[in-house]
């Protein structure tokens, strides 16, 4: 491997693919993260914990273990009441909230919560995805925090088709123990070892030790468990290429989300005969397929859903989860300066005659198709700073400014573009 290639450059990722045997072999890359990234990653994780405490929810896969036990709802309230404070270090916060108690925190969908962290990781991964393509089922990252002895989940195998790149932000080190699937099943089924008996299985494992700034790659299908004795943070980026069955299930769920109506908690008794479907009228009235999907058979529905799915992922650098929108929605003026967020892309797709979909950070906007709108989006995708008035000048001169300003405000709200400070004198 060319140890002199800058981390996450095109050459670095080429070596990564060779060393990992095209994503089939586990490996540790030393000092992949520089000191500034380590500091930024640690602070980002503290910011995410503060955000979750403010939201007071575990709906995004937040799980907290203390002394090896998963905390319940009432115990989580104490965690929400004690978020990391500005300027507080990971060591100080954890010492305050978990005094003399080993703890572990697991958070999924981490890309949703911190714009800078998600952007930095997306930029790091962009050269890799240029080489291998975006994973079919997208990317998401999970965050592991704590000083627990071993991963609270125990020895386990992740879902089929999931490989992981682990960025280790420390400060403590970590060791991963890995068993190939056939080996693990041979030990636990043929040899009769207890699947949870780490002490008995450990001598048969391959071990991978990594420290602050290191990167660890683990291919899909591997049985594994992590062990550590010191406090550390790991950000694990999962690349999903699930089974065809799992993809079909995801597409069905994706379709259902697009026809979801307003909340309806009514409970209605239907005394009609079984050969009459009128009892469904109220349910159908509140749900509408996008215009493009109407009059499609099952195969056509899935194909169109797949196109939407892939465009959503591609507009969001592969991330499955869109960021939280900016609230309240910002207003733009002709004199504002804006720029597209990289490495994200604003994509378009023709849906019906005269209509198109615009994809921004995993969200789909539908509108009439006009050459001026295409020109405006193309200009933004060049990545240069643009004066709003210049962008509006690309649109039909008969249109009022509010049409273009509304589109730009939506792009800003969904974090596809950002507003820049005016240049200083």
Protein backbone atom coordinates (compact mmCIF):
# COMPACT_ATOMS: atom_id res chain seq x y z
CA UNK A 1 0.00 0.00 0.00
CA UNK A 2 1.16 3.55 -0.76
CA UNK A 3 1.40 4.87 2.79
CA UNK A 4 2.21 8.34 1.44
CA UNK A 5 -1.13 8.78 -0.36
CA UNK A 6 -3.30 11.36 1.44
CA UNK A 7 -6.10 9.72 3.39
CA UNK A 8 -9.35 9.34 1.40
CA UNK A 9 -7.79 10.49 -1.87
CA UNK A 10 -8.43 8.58 -5.05
CA UNK A 11 -5.10 6.75 -4.67
CA UNK A 12 -5.81 5.97 -1.01
CA UNK A 13 -9.15 4.37 -1.85
CA UNK A 14 -7.55 2.40 -4.66
CA UNK A 15 -5.13 0.93 -2.12
CA UNK A 16 -8.02 0.37 0.27
CA UNK A 17 -9.81 -1.76 -2.31
CA UNK A 18 -6.66 -3.77 -3.00
CA UNK A 19 -5.83 -4.30 0.68
CA UNK A 20 -9.42 -5.30 1.51
CA UNK A 21 -9.54 -7.59 -1.53
CA UNK A 22 -12.37 -5.63 -3.06
CA UNK A 23 -14.31 -5.29 0.20
CA UNK A 24 -14.04 -8.97 1.13
CA UNK A 25 -11.34 -8.97 3.84
CA UNK A 26 -11.15 -7.13 7.20
CA UNK A 27 -8.24 -4.76 7.69
CA UNK A 28 -7.02 -1.85 9.85
CA UNK A 29 -5.62 1.33 8.29
CA UNK A 30 -3.47 3.23 10.77
CA UNK A 31 -3.79 7.00 11.28
CA UNK A 32 -6.37 7.49 8.54
CA UNK A 33 -7.94 10.38 10.46
CA UNK A 34 -5.82 13.40 11.23
CA UNK A 35 -5.90 15.12 14.65
CA UNK A 36 -8.28 17.86 13.46
CA UNK A 37 -10.80 15.29 12.22
CA UNK A 38 -10.57 13.39 15.50
CA UNK A 39 -11.36 16.53 17.48
CA UNK A 40 -14.20 17.48 15.13
CA UNK A 41 -15.71 13.99 15.21
CA UNK A 42 -15.70 13.88 19.01
CA UNK A 43 -17.37 17.28 19.25
CA UNK A 44 -19.96 16.30 16.64
CA UNK A 45 -20.93 13.24 18.67
CA UNK A 46 -21.40 15.37 21.78
CA UNK A 47 -23.56 17.74 19.74
CA UNK A 48 -25.67 14.81 18.54
CA UNK A 49 -26.16 13.59 22.12
CA UNK A 50 -27.32 17.09 23.10
CA UNK A 51 -29.76 17.13 20.18
CA UNK A 52 -31.22 13.76 21.14
CA UNK A 53 -31.57 14.86 24.74
CA UNK A 54 -33.52 17.88 23.53
CA UNK A 55 -35.75 15.68 21.35
CA UNK A 56 -36.23 13.27 24.28
CA UNK A 57 -36.72 10.29 22.02
CA UNK A 58 -35.18 6.94 21.17
CA UNK A 59 -37.03 6.64 17.87
CA UNK A 60 -33.75 6.87 15.93
CA UNK A 61 -32.34 3.68 17.40
CA UNK A 62 -30.85 5.23 20.53
CA UNK A 63 -29.96 2.57 23.08
CA UNK A 64 -28.08 3.19 26.31
CA UNK A 65 -26.61 0.47 28.51
CA UNK A 66 -25.27 0.98 32.04
CA UNK A 67 -23.45 -1.81 33.88
CA UNK A 68 -24.47 -4.14 31.05
CA UNK A 69 -28.20 -3.41 31.34
CA UNK A 70 -30.38 -1.61 28.80
CA UNK A 71 -31.92 1.49 30.37
CA UNK A 72 -35.69 1.75 30.45
CA UNK A 73 -37.91 4.71 29.59
CA UNK A 74 -37.88 6.26 33.07
CA UNK A 75 -34.10 5.91 33.36
CA UNK A 76 -33.66 7.57 29.98
CA UNK A 77 -35.35 10.69 31.35
CA UNK A 78 -32.31 11.26 33.59
CA UNK A 79 -30.04 11.08 30.54
CA UNK A 80 -32.23 13.57 28.66
CA UNK A 81 -32.07 15.91 31.66
CA UNK A 82 -28.26 15.88 31.58
CA UNK A 83 -27.05 16.59 28.03
CA UNK A 84 -23.45 17.52 27.24
CA UNK A 85 -22.90 21.19 27.97
CA UNK A 86 -21.05 23.65 25.70
CA UNK A 87 -17.32 23.17 26.20
CA UNK A 88 -17.77 19.92 28.13
CA UNK A 89 -15.52 17.04 27.07
CA UNK A 90 -16.65 13.46 26.52
CA UNK A 91 -14.72 12.43 29.64
CA UNK A 92 -16.33 15.12 31.80
CA UNK A 93 -19.86 14.46 30.54
CA UNK A 94 -19.66 10.69 30.91
CA UNK A 95 -18.10 11.03 34.36
CA UNK A 96 -20.98 13.26 35.39
CA UNK A 97 -23.78 11.10 33.97
CA UNK A 98 -22.28 7.62 34.52
CA UNK A 99 -20.06 8.00 37.60
CA UNK A 100 -17.97 4.84 38.17
CA UNK A 101 -20.33 2.89 35.88
CA UNK A 102 -19.36 1.19 32.62
CA UNK A 103 -21.74 2.34 29.92
CA UNK A 104 -22.43 1.93 26.22
CA UNK A 105 -24.44 4.08 23.81
CA UNK A 106 -25.56 2.98 20.34
CA UNK A 107 -27.21 5.43 17.94
CA UNK A 108 -28.41 4.66 14.41
CA UNK A 109 -29.14 7.08 11.55
CA UNK A 110 -26.34 9.35 12.75
CA UNK A 111 -26.15 11.12 9.39
CA UNK A 112 -29.48 12.80 10.12
CA UNK A 113 -28.30 14.82 13.09
CA UNK A 114 -25.11 16.71 12.31
CA UNK A 115 -24.63 18.55 9.04
CA UNK A 116 -20.85 19.03 9.22
CA UNK A 117 -20.09 15.47 10.32
CA UNK A 118 -22.32 13.96 7.63
CA UNK A 119 -20.81 16.24 4.97
CA UNK A 120 -17.22 15.41 6.01
CA UNK A 121 -17.85 11.67 5.90
CA UNK A 122 -19.68 11.98 2.56
CA UNK A 123 -16.68 13.83 1.13
CA UNK A 124 -14.33 11.16 2.42
CA UNK A 125 -16.38 8.38 0.84
CA UNK A 126 -17.07 10.13 -2.48
CA UNK A 127 -13.92 8.83 -4.26
CA UNK A 128 -14.73 5.28 -3.11
CA UNK A 129 -18.26 5.45 -4.51
CA UNK A 130 -16.90 6.85 -7.76
CA UNK A 131 -15.04 3.56 -8.07
CA UNK A 132 -17.63 1.04 -6.86
CA UNK A 133 -20.92 2.91 -7.30
CA UNK A 134 -23.39 3.82 -4.58
CA UNK A 135 -24.54 0.84 -2.51
CA UNK A 136 -27.92 -0.22 -3.87
CA UNK A 137 -29.70 0.15 -0.51
CA UNK A 138 -27.82 3.23 0.61
CA UNK A 139 -25.53 4.26 3.44
CA UNK A 140 -26.08 5.15 7.05
CA UNK A 141 -23.84 5.45 10.05
CA UNK A 142 -24.12 4.33 13.62
CA UNK A 143 -22.27 5.76 16.59
CA UNK A 144 -20.83 3.70 19.44
CA UNK A 145 -19.79 5.47 22.64
CA UNK A 146 -18.67 4.11 25.98
CA UNK A 147 -16.23 2.25 28.15
CA UNK A 148 -18.12 -1.05 28.22
CA UNK A 149 -16.13 -4.26 28.36
CA UNK A 150 -17.73 -5.79 25.25
CA UNK A 151 -20.39 -4.77 22.74
CA UNK A 152 -23.69 -5.07 24.68
CA UNK A 153 -25.25 -6.94 21.76
CA UNK A 154 -22.87 -9.85 22.30
CA UNK A 155 -21.38 -11.88 19.44
CA UNK A 156 -23.60 -11.25 16.43
CA UNK A 157 -23.84 -11.17 12.67
CA UNK A 158 -25.25 -8.07 11.01
CA UNK A 159 -27.93 -8.23 8.36
CA UNK A 160 -26.89 -9.82 5.06
CA UNK A 161 -25.23 -7.42 2.64
CA UNK A 162 -23.92 -4.92 5.22
CA UNK A 163 -20.24 -4.03 5.36
CA UNK A 164 -18.81 -1.35 7.62
CA UNK A 165 -16.08 1.28 7.72
CA UNK A 166 -15.28 2.19 11.32
CA UNK A 167 -13.71 5.60 12.02
CA UNK A 168 -12.17 5.44 15.50
CA UNK A 169 -12.19 8.78 17.31
CA UNK A 170 -10.86 7.41 20.62
CA UNK A 171 -9.53 8.40 23.04
CA UNK A 172 -9.39 4.76 24.12
CA UNK A 173 -8.48 1.86 21.84
CA UNK A 174 -10.72 -1.01 20.75
CA UNK A 175 -10.32 -4.60 19.61
CA UNK A 176 -12.65 -6.40 17.26
CA UNK A 177 -12.96 -10.20 17.37
CA UNK A 178 -14.12 -11.79 14.12
CA UNK A 179 -15.24 -15.26 13.08
CA UNK A 180 -16.00 -16.32 9.51
CA UNK A 181 -19.60 -17.57 9.20
CA UNK A 182 -18.69 -21.20 8.46
CA UNK A 183 -16.11 -21.20 11.24
CA UNK A 184 -18.56 -19.75 13.78
CA UNK A 185 -21.30 -22.20 12.89
CA UNK A 186 -18.83 -25.06 13.07
CA UNK A 187 -17.78 -24.01 16.56
CA UNK A 188 -21.28 -23.43 17.88
CA UNK A 189 -23.23 -26.12 16.06
CA UNK A 190 -20.81 -28.93 15.23
CA UNK A 191 -18.53 -28.43 18.26
CA UNK A 192 -21.41 -27.45 20.56
CA UNK A 193 -19.93 -24.24 21.99
CA UNK A 194 -22.38 -21.75 23.48
CA UNK A 195 -23.00 -18.93 21.00
CA UNK A 196 -22.74 -16.39 23.82
CA UNK A 197 -19.62 -17.83 25.46
CA UNK A 198 -17.07 -15.22 24.43
CA UNK A 199 -14.33 -16.69 26.64
CA UNK A 200 -14.55 -20.08 24.91
CA UNK A 201 -14.85 -18.64 21.40
CA UNK A 202 -12.21 -15.92 21.71
CA UNK A 203 -9.17 -18.18 21.06
CA UNK A 204 -10.65 -19.04 17.65
CA UNK A 205 -11.23 -15.41 16.58
CA UNK A 206 -9.16 -13.15 14.37
CA UNK A 207 -8.33 -9.96 16.26
CA UNK A 208 -8.06 -6.42 14.92
CA UNK A 209 -6.80 -3.71 17.27
CA UNK A 210 -7.23 -0.03 16.44
CA UNK A 211 -6.54 3.25 18.17
CA UNK A 212 -7.42 6.94 17.85
CA UNK A 213 -7.48 7.99 14.19
CA UNK A 214 -7.41 4.45 12.79
CA UNK A 215 -9.91 3.05 10.30
CA UNK A 216 -11.20 -0.52 10.46
CA UNK A 217 -13.05 -2.25 7.64
CA UNK A 218 -15.25 -5.32 8.17
CA UNK A 219 -16.93 -7.17 5.27
CA UNK A 220 -20.51 -8.38 5.31
CA UNK A 221 -21.54 -11.64 6.93
CA UNK A 222 -18.87 -11.70 9.65
CA UNK A 223 -19.69 -12.74 13.20
CA UNK A 224 -18.08 -10.24 15.55
CA UNK A 225 -17.90 -8.49 18.90
CA UNK A 226 -15.97 -5.41 20.03
CA UNK A 227 -14.09 -5.16 23.31
CA UNK A 228 -12.54 -2.21 25.10
CA UNK A 229 -11.63 -1.07 28.60
CA UNK A 230 -11.31 2.65 27.99
CA UNK A 231 -13.73 5.36 26.94
CA UNK A 232 -13.97 5.80 23.17
CA UNK A 233 -16.12 6.87 20.24
CA UNK A 234 -16.52 4.91 17.02
CA UNK A 235 -18.44 6.10 13.96
CA UNK A 236 -19.38 3.11 11.81
CA UNK A 237 -20.47 3.78 8.24
CA UNK A 238 -22.62 0.98 6.87
CA UNK A 239 -22.86 0.26 3.16
CA UNK A 240 -26.05 -1.62 2.39
CA UNK A 241 -26.50 -3.99 -0.51
CA UNK A 242 -29.20 -6.16 0.97
CA UNK A 243 -30.83 -9.25 -0.47
CA UNK A 244 -33.40 -8.91 -3.24
CA UNK A 245 -36.11 -9.85 -0.75
CA UNK A 246 -35.04 -7.05 1.59
CA UNK A 247 -34.95 -4.57 -1.30
CA UNK A 248 -38.50 -5.54 -2.32
CA UNK A 249 -39.69 -4.95 1.25
CA UNK A 250 -37.95 -1.56 1.32
CA UNK A 251 -39.57 -0.53 -1.96
CA UNK A 252 -43.02 -1.49 -0.68
CA UNK A 253 -42.43 0.61 2.44
CA UNK A 254 -41.19 3.45 0.22
CA UNK A 255 -44.39 3.28 -1.83
CA UNK A 256 -46.57 3.33 1.28
CA UNK A 257 -44.82 6.47 2.55
CA UNK A 258 -45.66 8.26 -0.70
CA UNK A 259 -49.38 7.59 -0.35
CA UNK A 260 -49.58 8.17 3.39
CA UNK A 261 -52.48 10.42 4.29
CA UNK A 262 -53.07 12.56 7.38
CA UNK A 263 -53.33 10.74 10.71
CA UNK A 264 -56.70 9.04 11.02
CA UNK A 265 -57.47 7.38 14.33
CA UNK A 266 -61.10 6.61 13.54
CA UNK A 267 -62.37 3.12 14.36
CA UNK A 268 -65.25 2.30 12.01
CA UNK A 269 -67.39 -0.82 12.15
CA UNK A 270 -68.30 -2.15 8.68
CA UNK A 271 -71.57 -4.13 8.70
CA UNK A 272 -71.65 -4.48 4.89
CA UNK A 273 -71.49 -7.90 3.16
CA UNK A 274 -68.00 -9.25 2.37
CA UNK A 275 -68.49 -8.69 -1.39
CA UNK A 276 -68.73 -4.90 -0.95
CA UNK A 277 -65.67 -2.66 -0.53
CA UNK A 278 -67.36 0.64 0.26
CA UNK A 279 -66.00 0.53 3.79
CA UNK A 280 -62.61 1.44 2.35
CA UNK A 281 -63.82 4.66 0.69
CA UNK A 282 -62.84 6.97 3.55
CA UNK A 283 -59.38 5.40 3.75
CA UNK A 284 -58.75 5.76 0.01
CA UNK A 285 -60.07 9.32 -0.08
CA UNK A 286 -57.29 10.47 2.24
CA UNK A 287 -54.51 8.81 0.24
CA UNK A 288 -53.38 9.76 -3.23
CA UNK A 289 -50.70 8.25 -5.40
CA UNK A 290 -48.33 10.73 -7.03
CA UNK A 291 -49.63 11.56 -10.50
CA UNK A 292 -46.80 9.63 -12.16
CA UNK A 293 -47.76 6.44 -10.32
CA UNK A 294 -51.44 6.40 -11.27
CA UNK A 295 -52.76 3.79 -13.71
CA UNK A 296 -49.59 1.73 -13.21
CA UNK A 297 -49.59 -2.02 -12.74
CA UNK A 298 -47.59 -3.65 -9.97
CA UNK A 299 -44.38 -4.02 -11.97
CA UNK A 300 -44.55 -0.41 -13.17
CA UNK A 301 -45.15 0.82 -9.63
CA UNK A 302 -42.05 -0.95 -8.34
CA UNK A 303 -39.91 0.27 -11.23
CA UNK A 304 -40.97 3.86 -10.65
CA UNK A 305 -40.43 3.49 -6.90
CA UNK A 306 -36.96 2.12 -7.60
CA UNK A 307 -36.12 5.13 -9.79
CA UNK A 308 -37.30 7.45 -7.02
CA UNK A 309 -35.37 5.45 -4.42
CA UNK A 310 -32.11 5.62 -6.38
CA UNK A 311 -32.46 9.32 -7.14
CA UNK A 312 -33.14 10.06 -3.47
CA UNK A 313 -29.99 8.19 -2.46
CA UNK A 314 -27.84 9.73 -5.18
CA UNK A 315 -28.96 13.27 -4.26
CA UNK A 316 -27.95 12.60 -0.65
CA UNK A 317 -24.45 11.15 -1.28
CA UNK A 318 -25.90 7.69 -0.66
CA UNK A 319 -27.35 8.43 2.77
CA UNK A 320 -30.65 6.73 3.48
CA UNK A 321 -31.79 9.38 5.96
CA UNK A 322 -32.43 12.98 5.00
CA UNK A 323 -31.29 15.75 7.35
CA UNK A 324 -33.74 17.65 9.47
CA UNK A 325 -35.01 20.67 7.49
CA UNK A 326 -34.05 24.18 8.47
CA UNK A 327 -36.79 25.59 10.67
CA UNK A 328 -38.15 28.15 10.34
CA UNK A 329 -37.88 28.21 6.58
CA UNK A 330 -35.44 30.91 5.49
CA UNK A 331 -36.35 33.65 3.01
CA UNK A 332 -33.95 34.68 0.26
CA UNK A 333 -33.54 38.01 -1.54
CA UNK A 334 -32.09 38.85 -4.94
CA UNK A 335 -28.85 40.07 -3.35
CA UNK A 336 -28.17 36.87 -1.37
CA UNK A 337 -25.24 34.64 -2.28
CA UNK A 338 -25.88 30.86 -2.32
CA UNK A 339 -23.87 27.75 -3.08
CA UNK A 340 -24.69 24.07 -3.48
CA UNK A 341 -23.70 21.79 -0.62
CA UNK A 342 -21.06 19.36 -1.80
CA UNK A 343 -20.68 16.46 -2.35
CA UNK A 344 -24.48 16.36 -2.59
CA UNK A 345 -26.20 16.82 -5.96
CA UNK A 346 -29.56 18.28 -6.94
CA UNK A 347 -30.98 15.82 -9.45
CA UNK A 348 -33.95 15.94 -11.83
CA UNK A 349 -36.03 13.28 -13.55
CA UNK A 350 -38.79 13.69 -16.10
CA UNK A 351 -41.91 12.02 -14.73
CA UNK A 352 -44.74 12.89 -17.12
CA UNK A 353 -45.11 15.16 -20.16
CA UNK A 354 -44.30 18.64 -18.92
CA UNK A 355 -43.56 17.49 -15.37
CA UNK A 356 -40.38 16.66 -13.46
CA UNK A 357 -39.16 15.62 -10.05
CA UNK A 358 -36.34 17.47 -8.29
CA UNK A 359 -34.38 15.49 -5.72
CA UNK A 360 -32.56 17.33 -2.95
CA UNK A 361 -30.89 15.58 0.01
CA UNK A 362 -33.18 12.58 -0.33
CA UNK A 363 -36.39 14.60 -0.71
CA UNK A 364 -38.55 14.71 -3.82
CA UNK A 365 -40.14 17.92 -5.10
CA UNK A 366 -42.56 17.78 -8.05
CA UNK A 367 -43.09 20.68 -10.44
CA UNK A 368 -43.63 21.71 -14.05
CA UNK A 369 -40.63 21.21 -16.29
CA UNK A 370 -39.09 24.37 -17.73
CA UNK A 371 -35.69 24.81 -19.40
CA UNK A 372 -34.95 27.77 -17.12
CA UNK A 373 -35.38 25.63 -14.00
CA UNK A 374 -33.01 23.03 -15.46
CA UNK A 375 -30.46 25.77 -16.19
CA UNK A 376 -30.77 27.13 -12.64
CA UNK A 377 -30.15 23.71 -11.08
CA UNK A 378 -27.27 22.99 -13.47
CA UNK A 379 -25.64 26.27 -12.46
CA UNK A 380 -25.94 25.38 -8.77
CA UNK A 381 -24.52 21.90 -9.37
CA UNK A 382 -21.33 23.46 -10.71
CA UNK A 383 -20.53 24.20 -7.06
CA UNK A 384 -19.72 27.89 -7.47
CA UNK A 385 -21.15 30.72 -5.38
CA UNK A 386 -24.13 32.28 -7.16
CA UNK A 387 -25.95 35.57 -6.66
CA UNK A 388 -29.66 34.86 -6.38
CA UNK A 389 -30.45 37.58 -8.94
CA UNK A 390 -28.22 35.81 -11.50
CA UNK A 391 -30.03 32.53 -10.90
CA UNK A 392 -33.42 34.21 -11.31
CA UNK A 393 -32.14 35.64 -14.58
CA UNK A 394 -31.99 32.10 -15.99
CA UNK A 395 -35.76 31.72 -15.64
CA UNK A 396 -38.51 32.83 -17.98
CA UNK A 397 -38.46 36.67 -17.82
CA UNK A 398 -42.25 36.69 -17.62
CA UNK A 399 -42.17 34.91 -14.27
CA UNK A 400 -42.37 36.89 -11.04
CA UNK A 401 -39.35 36.53 -8.73
CA UNK A 402 -41.42 34.65 -6.19
CA UNK A 403 -41.39 31.47 -8.34
CA UNK A 404 -37.62 31.17 -8.39
CA UNK A 405 -37.28 32.39 -4.82
CA UNK A 406 -39.70 29.71 -3.64
CA UNK A 407 -37.67 26.94 -5.31
CA UNK A 408 -34.41 28.28 -3.89
CA UNK A 409 -35.97 28.53 -0.43
CA UNK A 410 -37.00 24.88 -0.65
CA UNK A 411 -33.47 23.88 -1.67
CA UNK A 412 -32.13 25.87 1.26
CA UNK A 413 -34.69 24.42 3.66
CA UNK A 414 -33.66 20.88 2.72
CA UNK A 415 -29.95 21.77 2.95
CA UNK A 416 -29.20 21.27 -0.72
CA UNK A 417 -27.77 24.79 -0.87
CA UNK A 418 -26.44 27.18 1.75
CA UNK A 419 -26.49 30.93 2.07
CA UNK A 420 -23.04 32.52 2.13
CA UNK A 421 -21.97 35.60 4.02
CA UNK A 422 -21.49 38.60 1.75
CA UNK A 423 -17.87 39.28 0.83
CA UNK A 424 -16.11 41.66 3.19
CA UNK A 425 -14.84 45.00 1.90
